C-alpha atoms as a PDB file:
ATOM      1  CA  MET A   1     164.531 198.701  77.758  1.00  0.00           C
ATOM      2  CA  LYS A   2     161.874 198.510  75.032  1.00  0.00           C
ATOM      3  CA  SER A   3     163.380 195.222  73.857  1.00  0.00           C
ATOM      4  CA  ILE A   4     163.161 193.795  77.372  1.00  0.00           C
ATOM      5  CA  TRP A   5     159.493 194.721  77.655  1.00  0.00           C
ATOM      6  CA  CYS A   6     158.809 193.189  74.228  1.00  0.00           C
ATOM      7  CA  LEU A   7     160.477 189.948  75.295  1.00  0.00           C
ATOM      8  CA  LEU A   8     158.454 189.835  78.497  1.00  0.00           C
ATOM      9  CA  VAL A   9     155.237 190.367  76.539  1.00  0.00           C
ATOM     10  CA  ILE A  10     156.158 187.568  74.129  1.00  0.00           C
ATOM     11  CA  LEU A  11     156.979 185.167  76.967  1.00  0.00           C
ATOM     12  CA  LEU A  12     153.749 186.030  78.790  1.00  0.00           C
ATOM     13  CA  SER A  13     151.664 185.665  75.621  1.00  0.00           C
ATOM     14  CA  ALA A  14     153.352 182.391  74.729  1.00  0.00           C
ATOM     15  CA  SER A  15     152.719 181.123  78.256  1.00  0.00           C
ATOM     16  CA  MET A  16     149.023 181.904  77.931  1.00  0.00           C
ATOM     17  CA  LEU A  17     148.832 180.192  74.546  1.00  0.00           C
ATOM     18  CA  ILE A  18     150.631 177.066  75.735  1.00  0.00           C
ATOM     19  CA  ALA A  19     148.629 176.949  78.944  1.00  0.00           C
ATOM     20  CA  GLU A  20     145.529 176.431  76.825  1.00  0.00           C
ATOM     21  CA  GLN A  21     147.100 173.252  75.407  1.00  0.00           C
ATOM     22  CA  ASP A  22     149.602 171.724  77.816  1.00  0.00           C
ATOM     23  CA  THR A  23     151.133 173.211  80.944  1.00  0.00           C
ATOM     24  CA  ALA A  24     153.680 170.379  81.032  1.00  0.00           C
ATOM     25  CA  TYR A  25     155.330 171.710  77.890  1.00  0.00           C
ATOM     26  CA  LEU A  26     155.466 175.245  79.295  1.00  0.00           C
ATOM     27  CA  SER A  27     157.055 174.015  82.512  1.00  0.00           C
ATOM     28  CA  ALA A  28     159.644 171.941  80.634  1.00  0.00           C
ATOM     29  CA  TYR A  29     160.394 174.817  78.263  1.00  0.00           C
ATOM     30  CA  LEU A  30     161.027 177.346  81.033  1.00  0.00           C
ATOM     31  CA  GLU A  31     163.079 174.864  83.057  1.00  0.00           C
ATOM     32  CA  SER A  32     165.240 174.242  79.990  1.00  0.00           C
ATOM     33  CA  TYR A  33     166.672 177.789  80.174  1.00  0.00           C
ATOM     34  CA  PRO A  34     168.911 177.267  83.238  1.00  0.00           C
ATOM     35  CA  HIS A  35     169.571 173.718  82.069  1.00  0.00           C
ATOM     36  CA  THR A  36     170.919 174.978  78.742  1.00  0.00           C
ATOM     37  CA  VAL A  37     173.036 177.700  80.370  1.00  0.00           C
ATOM     38  CA  LEU A  38     174.511 175.172  82.815  1.00  0.00           C
ATOM     39  CA  LYS A  39     175.150 172.713  80.002  1.00  0.00           C
ATOM     40  CA  GLY A  40     177.047 175.348  78.046  1.00  0.00           C
ATOM     41  CA  ALA A  41     179.062 176.497  81.052  1.00  0.00           C
ATOM     42  CA  SER A  42     180.041 172.966  82.072  1.00  0.00           C
ATOM     43  CA  ALA A  43     180.682 171.654  78.555  1.00  0.00           C
ATOM     44  CA  PRO A  44     184.511 172.059  78.732  1.00  0.00           C
ATOM     45  CA  LEU A  45     184.581 169.583  81.630  1.00  0.00           C
ATOM     46  CA  LYS A  46     183.370 166.883  79.243  1.00  0.00           C
ATOM     47  CA  TRP A  47     185.360 167.840  76.151  1.00  0.00           C
ATOM     48  CA  GLN A  48     187.423 165.253  74.315  1.00  0.00           C
ATOM     49  CA  ALA A  49     190.687 165.939  72.470  1.00  0.00           C
ATOM     50  CA  LYS A  50     188.881 166.915  69.253  1.00  0.00           C
ATOM     51  CA  ASP A  51     186.759 169.444  71.163  1.00  0.00           C
ATOM     52  CA  TRP A  52     189.839 171.100  72.649  1.00  0.00           C
ATOM     53  CA  ILE A  53     191.453 171.220  69.218  1.00  0.00           C
ATOM     54  CA  LEU A  54     188.355 172.894  67.786  1.00  0.00           C
ATOM     55  CA  ALA A  55     188.181 175.376  70.663  1.00  0.00           C
ATOM     56  CA  SER A  56     191.879 176.158  70.241  1.00  0.00           C
ATOM     57  CA  GLY A  57     191.277 176.807  66.561  1.00  0.00           C
ATOM     58  CA  VAL A  58     188.467 179.239  67.349  1.00  0.00           C
ATOM     59  CA  VAL A  59     190.651 181.110  69.860  1.00  0.00           C
ATOM     60  CA  ALA A  60     193.542 181.179  67.385  1.00  0.00           C
ATOM     61  CA  ALA A  61     191.257 182.578  64.684  1.00  0.00           C
ATOM     62  CA  GLY A  62     190.062 185.273  67.084  1.00  0.00           C
ATOM     63  CA  CYS A  63     193.651 186.228  67.962  1.00  0.00           C
ATOM     64  CA  ALA A  64     194.617 186.378  64.281  1.00  0.00           C
ATOM     65  CA  LEU A  65     191.658 188.658  63.574  1.00  0.00           C
ATOM     66  CA  TYR A  66     192.622 190.887  66.496  1.00  0.00           C
ATOM     67  CA  ILE A  67     196.089 191.358  65.004  1.00  0.00           C
ATOM     68  CA  ALA A  68     194.523 192.124  61.628  1.00  0.00           C
ATOM     69  CA  ASP A  69     191.660 194.314  62.936  1.00  0.00           C
ATOM     70  CA  GLU A  70     193.164 197.601  61.753  1.00  0.00           C
ATOM     71  CA  GLU A  71     194.092 196.242  58.326  1.00  0.00           C
ATOM     72  CA  ILE A  72     190.647 194.699  57.827  1.00  0.00           C
ATOM     73  CA  ARG A  73     189.044 197.991  58.793  1.00  0.00           C
ATOM     74  CA  ASP A  74     191.239 199.956  56.367  1.00  0.00           C
ATOM     75  CA  MET A  75     190.496 197.544  53.539  1.00  0.00           C
ATOM     76  CA  SER A  76     186.745 197.567  54.119  1.00  0.00           C
ATOM     77  CA  GLN A  77     186.643 201.358  54.268  1.00  0.00           C
ATOM     78  CA  ARG A  78     188.721 201.682  51.083  1.00  0.00           C
ATOM     79  CA  ASN A  79     186.228 199.466  49.258  1.00  0.00           C
ATOM     80  CA  ARG A  80     183.190 201.131  50.801  1.00  0.00           C
ATOM     81  CA  SER A  81     180.825 202.879  48.399  1.00  0.00           C
ATOM     82  CA  PRO A  82     177.255 204.209  48.283  1.00  0.00           C
ATOM     83  CA  PHE A  83     176.247 200.871  46.735  1.00  0.00           C
ATOM     84  CA  THR A  84     177.717 198.785  49.563  1.00  0.00           C
ATOM     85  CA  ASP A  85     176.194 201.169  52.111  1.00  0.00           C
ATOM     86  CA  ASP A  86     172.725 200.732  50.597  1.00  0.00           C
ATOM     87  CA  LEU A  87     173.153 196.967  50.321  1.00  0.00           C
ATOM     88  CA  MET A  88     174.471 196.557  53.856  1.00  0.00           C
ATOM     89  CA  THR A  89     171.721 198.793  55.268  1.00  0.00           C
ATOM     90  CA  GLY A  90     169.222 196.220  54.038  1.00  0.00           C
ATOM     91  CA  PHE A  91     171.033 193.260  55.560  1.00  0.00           C
ATOM     92  CA  LYS A  92     171.652 195.107  58.835  1.00  0.00           C
ATOM     93  CA  GLN A  93     167.934 194.912  59.582  1.00  0.00           C
ATOM     94  CA  PHE A  94     168.206 191.149  60.139  1.00  0.00           C
ATOM     95  CA  GLY A  95     170.227 191.910  63.265  1.00  0.00           C
ATOM     96  CA  GLU A  96     167.949 194.638  64.626  1.00  0.00           C
ATOM     97  CA  GLY A  97     166.246 193.523  67.817  1.00  0.00           C
ATOM     98  CA  LYS A  98     163.415 196.032  67.316  1.00  0.00           C
ATOM     99  CA  TYR A  99     162.401 194.111  64.182  1.00  0.00           C
ATOM    100  CA  ILE A 100     163.413 190.562  65.110  1.00  0.00           C
ATOM    101  CA  ILE A 101     161.579 190.500  68.450  1.00  0.00           C
ATOM    102  CA  PRO A 102     158.141 191.313  66.964  1.00  0.00           C
ATOM    103  CA  VAL A 103     158.781 188.793  64.158  1.00  0.00           C
ATOM    104  CA  MET A 104     159.449 186.064  66.730  1.00  0.00           C
ATOM    105  CA  GLY A 105     156.256 187.029  68.541  1.00  0.00           C
ATOM    106  CA  LEU A 106     154.239 186.865  65.315  1.00  0.00           C
ATOM    107  CA  THR A 107     155.801 183.503  64.471  1.00  0.00           C
ATOM    108  CA  ILE A 108     154.734 182.067  67.810  1.00  0.00           C
ATOM    109  CA  LEU A 109     151.255 183.564  67.540  1.00  0.00           C
ATOM    110  CA  GLY A 110     150.849 182.553  63.897  1.00  0.00           C
ATOM    111  CA  GLY A 111     151.930 178.988  64.610  1.00  0.00           C
ATOM    112  CA  HIS A 112     149.382 178.759  67.401  1.00  0.00           C
ATOM    113  CA  LEU A 113     146.482 180.287  65.485  1.00  0.00           C
ATOM    114  CA  ALA A 114     147.218 178.240  62.360  1.00  0.00           C
ATOM    115  CA  ASP A 115     147.603 175.080  64.472  1.00  0.00           C
ATOM    116  CA  HIS A 116     151.081 174.556  62.988  1.00  0.00           C
ATOM    117  CA  PRO A 117     153.356 173.039  65.677  1.00  0.00           C
ATOM    118  CA  LYS A 118     156.549 173.362  63.604  1.00  0.00           C
ATOM    119  CA  THR A 119     156.111 177.109  63.160  1.00  0.00           C
ATOM    120  CA  PHE A 120     155.246 177.539  66.826  1.00  0.00           C
ATOM    121  CA  ASP A 121     158.223 175.394  67.826  1.00  0.00           C
ATOM    122  CA  THR A 122     160.555 177.428  65.600  1.00  0.00           C
ATOM    123  CA  GLY A 123     159.418 180.665  67.216  1.00  0.00           C
ATOM    124  CA  MET A 124     159.951 179.313  70.732  1.00  0.00           C
ATOM    125  CA  LEU A 125     163.409 177.959  69.864  1.00  0.00           C
ATOM    126  CA  CYS A 126     164.437 181.266  68.277  1.00  0.00           C
ATOM    127  CA  LEU A 127     163.196 183.174  71.310  1.00  0.00           C
ATOM    128  CA  LYS A 128     165.242 181.059  73.702  1.00  0.00           C
ATOM    129  CA  SER A 129     168.397 181.216  71.600  1.00  0.00           C
ATOM    130  CA  PHE A 130     167.998 184.985  71.194  1.00  0.00           C
ATOM    131  CA  ILE A 131     167.625 185.567  74.939  1.00  0.00           C
ATOM    132  CA  ILE A 132     170.603 183.409  75.933  1.00  0.00           C
ATOM    133  CA  ALA A 133     172.938 184.775  73.243  1.00  0.00           C
ATOM    134  CA  ASN A 134     171.949 188.398  73.715  1.00  0.00           C
ATOM    135  CA  SER A 135     172.341 188.134  77.493  1.00  0.00           C
ATOM    136  CA  ALA A 136     175.908 186.853  77.114  1.00  0.00           C
ATOM    137  CA  THR A 137     176.749 189.571  74.600  1.00  0.00           C
ATOM    138  CA  GLN A 138     175.403 192.394  76.739  1.00  0.00           C
ATOM    139  CA  VAL A 139     177.483 191.208  79.710  1.00  0.00           C
ATOM    140  CA  LEU A 140     180.630 191.062  77.557  1.00  0.00           C
ATOM    141  CA  LYS A 141     179.941 194.490  76.063  1.00  0.00           C
ATOM    142  CA  PHE A 142     179.957 196.070  79.489  1.00  0.00           C
ATOM    143  CA  ALA A 143     182.853 193.983  80.810  1.00  0.00           C
ATOM    144  CA  THR A 144     185.279 194.560  77.918  1.00  0.00           C
ATOM    145  CA  GLN A 145     184.672 198.319  77.432  1.00  0.00           C
ATOM    146  CA  ARG A 146     185.894 198.345  73.830  1.00  0.00           C
ATOM    147  CA  GLN A 147     185.432 201.459  71.719  1.00  0.00           C
ATOM    148  CA  ARG A 148     184.043 201.214  68.219  1.00  0.00           C
ATOM    149  CA  PRO A 149     186.361 201.686  65.232  1.00  0.00           C
ATOM    150  CA  ILE A 150     184.583 204.851  64.177  1.00  0.00           C
ATOM    151  CA  SER A 151     185.905 206.519  67.353  1.00  0.00           C
ATOM    152  CA  ASN A 152     189.490 206.174  65.979  1.00  0.00           C
ATOM    153  CA  ASN A 153     190.888 205.193  69.393  1.00  0.00           C
ATOM    154  CA  GLY A 154     192.324 201.821  68.432  1.00  0.00           C
ATOM    155  CA  ASN A 155     191.070 198.272  68.877  1.00  0.00           C
ATOM    156  CA  ASN A 156     192.199 197.731  72.466  1.00  0.00           C
ATOM    157  CA  PHE A 157     189.907 196.430  75.179  1.00  0.00           C
ATOM    158  CA  TRP A 158     189.170 198.464  78.328  1.00  0.00           C
ATOM    159  CA  ASN A 159     190.011 201.497  76.193  1.00  0.00           C
ATOM    160  CA  GLY A 160     188.986 204.286  78.540  1.00  0.00           C
ATOM    161  CA  GLU A 161     188.604 205.136  82.209  1.00  0.00           C
ATOM    162  CA  GLY A 162     185.901 203.517  84.299  1.00  0.00           C
ATOM    163  CA  PHE A 163     182.905 201.636  82.944  1.00  0.00           C
ATOM    164  CA  THR A 164     180.271 203.084  80.648  1.00  0.00           C
ATOM    165  CA  ARG A 165     177.673 201.637  78.314  1.00  0.00           C
ATOM    166  CA  ARG A 166     178.991 203.871  75.524  1.00  0.00           C
ATOM    167  CA  ARG A 167     182.031 201.613  75.047  1.00  0.00           C
ATOM    168  CA  ASP A 168     180.138 198.606  73.748  1.00  0.00           C
ATOM    169  CA  SER A 169     181.883 197.385  70.617  1.00  0.00           C
ATOM    170  CA  PHE A 170     182.708 193.805  71.684  1.00  0.00           C
ATOM    171  CA  PRO A 171     180.914 191.618  70.687  1.00  0.00           C
ATOM    172  CA  SER A 172     178.653 192.791  67.838  1.00  0.00           C
ATOM    173  CA  GLY A 173     175.019 192.693  68.944  1.00  0.00           C
ATOM    174  CA  HIS A 174     173.625 192.546  65.409  1.00  0.00           C
ATOM    175  CA  THR A 175     175.888 189.604  64.576  1.00  0.00           C
ATOM    176  CA  THR A 176     174.945 187.816  67.795  1.00  0.00           C
ATOM    177  CA  ILE A 177     171.246 188.145  67.012  1.00  0.00           C
ATOM    178  CA  VAL A 178     171.356 186.918  63.428  1.00  0.00           C
ATOM    179  CA  TRP A 179     173.642 183.972  64.265  1.00  0.00           C
ATOM    180  CA  SER A 180     171.467 182.974  67.228  1.00  0.00           C
ATOM    181  CA  LEU A 181     168.588 182.491  64.797  1.00  0.00           C
ATOM    182  CA  ALA A 182     170.155 181.183  61.576  1.00  0.00           C
ATOM    183  CA  PRO A 183     171.154 177.698  62.863  1.00  0.00           C
ATOM    184  CA  VAL A 184     167.714 177.230  64.442  1.00  0.00           C
ATOM    185  CA  ILE A 185     165.866 178.067  61.232  1.00  0.00           C
ATOM    186  CA  ALA A 186     168.319 176.027  59.141  1.00  0.00           C
ATOM    187  CA  ASP A 187     167.782 172.991  61.381  1.00  0.00           C
ATOM    188  CA  GLN A 188     164.011 173.328  61.504  1.00  0.00           C
ATOM    189  CA  TYR A 189     163.793 173.536  57.717  1.00  0.00           C
ATOM    190  CA  LYS A 190     166.804 171.406  56.794  1.00  0.00           C
ATOM    191  CA  ASP A 191     164.703 169.370  54.360  1.00  0.00           C
ATOM    192  CA  SER A 192     164.440 172.440  52.135  1.00  0.00           C
ATOM    193  CA  PRO A 193     167.391 172.862  49.734  1.00  0.00           C
ATOM    194  CA  LEU A 194     167.027 176.657  49.869  1.00  0.00           C
ATOM    195  CA  VAL A 195     166.476 177.604  53.511  1.00  0.00           C
ATOM    196  CA  PRO A 196     169.832 176.619  55.121  1.00  0.00           C
ATOM    197  CA  PRO A 197     172.063 178.329  52.519  1.00  0.00           C
ATOM    198  CA  LEU A 198     169.743 181.343  52.450  1.00  0.00           C
ATOM    199  CA  VAL A 199     169.730 181.960  56.213  1.00  0.00           C
ATOM    200  CA  TYR A 200     173.495 181.473  56.504  1.00  0.00           C
ATOM    201  CA  THR A 201     174.095 183.851  53.588  1.00  0.00           C
ATOM    202  CA  ILE A 202     171.918 186.452  55.301  1.00  0.00           C
ATOM    203  CA  ALA A 203     173.809 185.888  58.562  1.00  0.00           C
ATOM    204  CA  GLY A 204     177.152 186.351  56.823  1.00  0.00           C
ATOM    205  CA  LEU A 205     176.153 189.543  55.023  1.00  0.00           C
ATOM    206  CA  THR A 206     174.520 190.962  58.143  1.00  0.00           C
ATOM    207  CA  SER A 207     177.788 190.344  59.973  1.00  0.00           C
ATOM    208  CA  TYR A 208     179.834 192.064  57.280  1.00  0.00           C
ATOM    209  CA  SER A 209     177.480 195.062  57.333  1.00  0.00           C
ATOM    210  CA  ARG A 210     178.848 195.971  60.761  1.00  0.00           C
ATOM    211  CA  ILE A 211     182.399 196.123  59.378  1.00  0.00           C
ATOM    212  CA  ASN A 212     181.318 197.994  56.259  1.00  0.00           C
ATOM    213  CA  ASP A 213     179.502 200.596  58.370  1.00  0.00           C
ATOM    214  CA  ASP A 214     182.606 200.999  60.569  1.00  0.00           C
ATOM    215  CA  LYS A 215     180.533 200.094  63.618  1.00  0.00           C
ATOM    216  CA  HIS A 216     182.527 197.044  64.681  1.00  0.00           C
ATOM    217  CA  TRP A 217     185.937 195.441  64.443  1.00  0.00           C
ATOM    218  CA  ALA A 218     186.320 192.076  62.730  1.00  0.00           C
ATOM    219  CA  THR A 219     186.879 190.446  66.132  1.00  0.00           C
ATOM    220  CA  ASP A 220     183.596 191.931  67.399  1.00  0.00           C
ATOM    221  CA  VAL A 221     181.778 190.280  64.526  1.00  0.00           C
ATOM    222  CA  PHE A 222     183.619 186.973  64.940  1.00  0.00           C
ATOM    223  CA  ALA A 223     182.827 186.818  68.661  1.00  0.00           C
ATOM    224  CA  GLY A 224     179.176 187.673  68.058  1.00  0.00           C
ATOM    225  CA  ALA A 225     178.891 184.910  65.467  1.00  0.00           C
ATOM    226  CA  VAL A 226     180.472 182.349  67.806  1.00  0.00           C
ATOM    227  CA  ILE A 227     178.194 183.315  70.701  1.00  0.00           C
ATOM    228  CA  GLY A 228     175.073 183.243  68.549  1.00  0.00           C
ATOM    229  CA  TYR A 229     175.968 179.948  66.889  1.00  0.00           C
ATOM    230  CA  LEU A 230     176.770 178.189  70.160  1.00  0.00           C
ATOM    231  CA  SER A 231     173.575 179.507  71.740  1.00  0.00           C
ATOM    232  CA  ALA A 232     171.540 178.146  68.827  1.00  0.00           C
ATOM    233  CA  LYS A 233     173.208 174.731  68.968  1.00  0.00           C
ATOM    234  CA  LEU A 234     172.738 174.497  72.736  1.00  0.00           C
ATOM    235  CA  THR A 235     169.102 175.521  72.342  1.00  0.00           C
ATOM    236  CA  LEU A 236     168.465 172.894  69.685  1.00  0.00           C
ATOM    237  CA  SER A 237     170.003 170.137  71.811  1.00  0.00           C
ATOM    238  CA  GLY A 238     168.464 171.143  75.130  1.00  0.00           C
ATOM    239  CA  THR A 239     164.919 172.355  74.529  1.00  0.00           C
ATOM    240  CA  PRO A 240     161.651 170.362  74.612  1.00  0.00           C
ATOM    241  CA  ARG A 241     159.923 170.225  71.242  1.00  0.00           C
ATOM    242  CA  LEU A 242     156.204 170.531  70.713  1.00  0.00           C
ATOM    243  CA  GLN A 243     155.543 168.003  67.968  1.00  0.00           C
ATOM    244  CA  PHE A 244     152.635 166.086  66.592  1.00  0.00           C
ATOM    245  CA  TYR A 245     152.892 162.454  65.578  1.00  0.00           C
ATOM    246  CA  PRO A 246     150.249 159.933  64.429  1.00  0.00           C
ATOM    247  CA  ASP A 247     148.952 157.703  67.197  1.00  0.00           C
ATOM    248  CA  PRO A 248     146.703 154.863  65.905  1.00  0.00           C
ATOM    249  CA  ARG A 249     145.484 154.161  69.441  1.00  0.00           C
ATOM    250  CA  LEU A 250     143.956 157.631  69.709  1.00  0.00           C
ATOM    251  CA  LYS A 251     142.634 157.900  66.145  1.00  0.00           C
ATOM    252  CA  GLY A 252     144.387 161.219  65.785  1.00  0.00           C
ATOM    253  CA  LEU A 253     147.446 163.103  66.927  1.00  0.00           C
ATOM    254  CA  ALA A 254     149.278 163.307  70.237  1.00  0.00           C
ATOM    255  CA  PHE A 255     151.871 165.598  71.738  1.00  0.00           C
ATOM    256  CA  GLN A 256     155.460 164.519  72.100  1.00  0.00           C
ATOM    257  CA  TYR A 257     158.146 166.197  74.158  1.00  0.00           C
ATOM    258  CA  GLY A 258     161.713 165.563  73.101  1.00  0.00           C
ATOM    259  CA  PHE A 259     165.118 166.914  74.220  1.00  0.00           C
END
């Protein structure tokens, strides 16, 4: 609930900031949310052969991980140590909504105050990707009712009677969050030789931290990564950008909206 209130505050604050500059951008940005969700939901209708092959590969990988879930868990726990626990505790924070949400808010605010459109744009893109990916994950968590490995009740879905929020292993929320942000940041700063490999390394280690801590099955982590990655890619391809570009006619800079 606290996360929801934080998101609402960020959206309201961002709306007020943008309203000072251009209400057209704000309108296009908000309208892009349902557009992006619809685009993702209807994408299979437009897939070509190569897209179906890729999707089949992803499903096959998920099935293979499901078969190997118990073995992967046993292996990770055998190799677990105080060192890996300390290391993974650090990387786990990159998937914590209570930290990531304020950081996104500060990025948006900082980009506005510093008059840096790229920073502001990055914050808005991350916010949208986070909301879409996390919404999908929370629905799946409740629908699949999977118990966490630490409960020692197996890796089956719908493992228990009725529906409860306590059975929320699939997909991994931490993994969803970090993978909903990594592709956005990597794309925004792709000209840097360090940023893309750094953010993807952080995403990978954050994902593994959930297996190391015995909080999630390998398939939980895989599904969270897929959801986050797809959300980021859909956000990047279907969101208006707030960019500056030189305009000799105006003797200065002008706004440009691009999808």
